[in-house]
C-alpha cells in the first residue's frame, strides 16, 4: 500500500512540476506584434479601409491588448494615403500605439546622416503629441547604415539627442514577400489555393520566430521579450487570428509593445558589427561571435517564394489542341 501511495504521489509531483515548468516556459516566451509601413497601399484582397477594419477586429478577437504601428508619414501624401490619418486614429482608438518609421521610408545606407535625420524630424513633427504616440524609431528596411559606421553612429547620436529609441526587431518572418507575391499573382489573374497560402503564411512567420528565439537563447542565455516584425498587409488581416493562436499553442504569451521595448538586455543595446542591417537578435549574436542554430531553420525569402510558386499558385490548365 505504501508503495502504491508513493507511486501515485510521485506521479502527482511530476505532474505538478510539469505544469509549473510549462507555465514558467510560457512566461519566458513573450512576444509583441508590430506593423510597419502604415498606411500601406491596397493589397491583393482589400481596400486600405477594409484592411484596417479587419486588422482591428482580428486583434480584438485574438485578445491582443496592444500592438504597435510604425508610421511612414510620406505615405499619407500618396494616393493610397487618402483616409490614412483616420485609419491611424482608429488603431489608436482600439488601444494600439504608433511610432516613427520615417517620412520617406528611405535607406540610411543610400542617404547622408543629415538627410536621414531631417526625414525623421519631418515624420516626428506629424506624430509627436498625438494620442498613442511612442518615442520609438524603426529603421526602414532595418538598414542602420550597412558598412558605414560613421553614418551609423551619427544617426544613433541624432536619435538619442531627439529622445528617440531604436524600435528594433528581434524576429522576422519576411511577411512582406508573401504579400507582394500574392498581389502580383492576383493582378496577373493566377488562381490561388487559399488553404495553402494560409499554411505558408503561418509556417513562414512561426519559423522566423522559432529561429530568432533559438538564436537569442544562445546569445543571451534566455528568451527575451521579442518584437515580431509584421506589415500592415492583407495577409495579416486574413490570418492574424490564426497566427496568434499558433503562437499561443507553441507556448508564447502575447505582450504589449510597451512591455517588449522595456526588456533590459535589448532596450539600450547598440551592437558594434561590421554591417548594420537586420534584426537586433542577429546583430547581438554576430557581435558575440555566436553561431546561428542549425535547427529550427528560418524560412528565408527565397524559400518562401519557391514554396509559393509550387504550393499556392494553382497550375494553369492546358487546353488540348
Foldseek 3Di string as FASTA:
>chain_A
DVVVVVVVVVVVVVVVVVVVVLVVLLVQFAEAEEAEAAPDQDFQPDQSVVLLVLLLVLCVVLVQQEHEYAYQQLCCVDPSNVCRVVSVVVNVVSRYAYEHAFNPLDALLVDALVVRLVRSVVRCVVQPPDRRYDQEYEYRQLHQNFQPVVSNVSNVVSSVVVVHFYLFAQFELPLVLLRVVSNVCSVVPFAWDVVLSLVLSLVSRVLRSVQSQVLLCQLVVGRAHGYYYHHSGPSCSVHVSVNSVVCVVVSYDYDHSVVRCVTPVPVPDDADDSTRGDGPSVSSCVSVVHDGDPPPDNCDSVNSVVCCVVGIGDDDDDDDD
